[in-house]
Amino acid sequence: MSKYFKRKKVLIAGGTGMIGTCLVNKLLQLDSEITVASLESKETA
């Protein structure tokens, strides 16, 4: 991950999926401030 994202504020759309989760983890290592936007899952009975 680039030094560009070090200590930056980042908005991630879809941060709970496979790629988004990986991205969040990498940005946390760079001490970034992260906001995640995600849809609520629909629970089925």
Protein backbone atom coordinates (compact mmCIF):
# COMPACT_ATOMS: atom_id res chain seq x y z
CA MET A 1 0.00 0.00 0.00
CA SER A 2 1.33 3.41 -0.90
CA LYS A 3 2.65 5.88 1.64
CA TYR A 4 0.05 8.25 0.15
CA PHE A 5 -2.63 6.72 2.41
CA LYS A 6 -0.55 7.05 5.61
CA ARG A 7 -2.59 8.97 8.21
CA LYS A 8 -5.30 9.93 5.67
CA LYS A 9 -9.08 9.93 6.05
CA VAL A 10 -10.57 7.26 3.78
CA LEU A 11 -14.18 6.32 2.92
CA ILE A 12 -14.63 2.72 1.77
CA ALA A 13 -17.88 1.65 0.10
CA GLY A 14 -18.44 -2.08 0.58
CA GLY A 15 -15.84 -2.49 3.29
CA THR A 16 -17.36 -5.69 4.67
CA GLY A 17 -16.78 -7.84 1.59
CA MET A 18 -13.70 -9.88 0.79
CA ILE A 19 -11.73 -7.12 -0.95
CA GLY A 20 -13.03 -4.37 1.34
CA THR A 21 -11.97 -6.26 4.46
CA CYS A 22 -8.45 -6.69 3.09
CA LEU A 23 -8.32 -3.00 2.17
CA VAL A 24 -9.48 -1.94 5.64
CA ASN A 25 -6.78 -4.08 7.28
CA LYS A 26 -4.03 -2.62 5.08
CA LEU A 27 -5.19 0.95 5.74
CA LEU A 28 -5.30 0.31 9.49
CA GLN A 29 -1.64 -0.70 9.30
CA LEU A 30 -0.95 2.72 7.77
CA ASP A 31 -2.73 4.46 10.68
CA SER A 32 -5.50 5.77 8.40
CA GLU A 33 -8.84 7.05 9.68
CA ILE A 34 -11.42 4.80 8.01
CA THR A 35 -15.17 5.14 7.48
CA VAL A 36 -16.97 2.12 6.00
CA ALA A 37 -20.28 2.38 4.12
CA SER A 38 -22.12 -0.91 3.71
CA LEU A 39 -25.65 -2.14 3.10
CA GLU A 40 -27.45 -3.94 5.89
CA SER A 41 -27.83 -7.64 5.26
CA LYS A 42 -31.37 -9.01 5.04
CA GLU A 43 -31.92 -11.89 7.40
CA THR A 44 -34.12 -14.71 6.16
CA ALA A 45 -36.09 -16.96 8.47
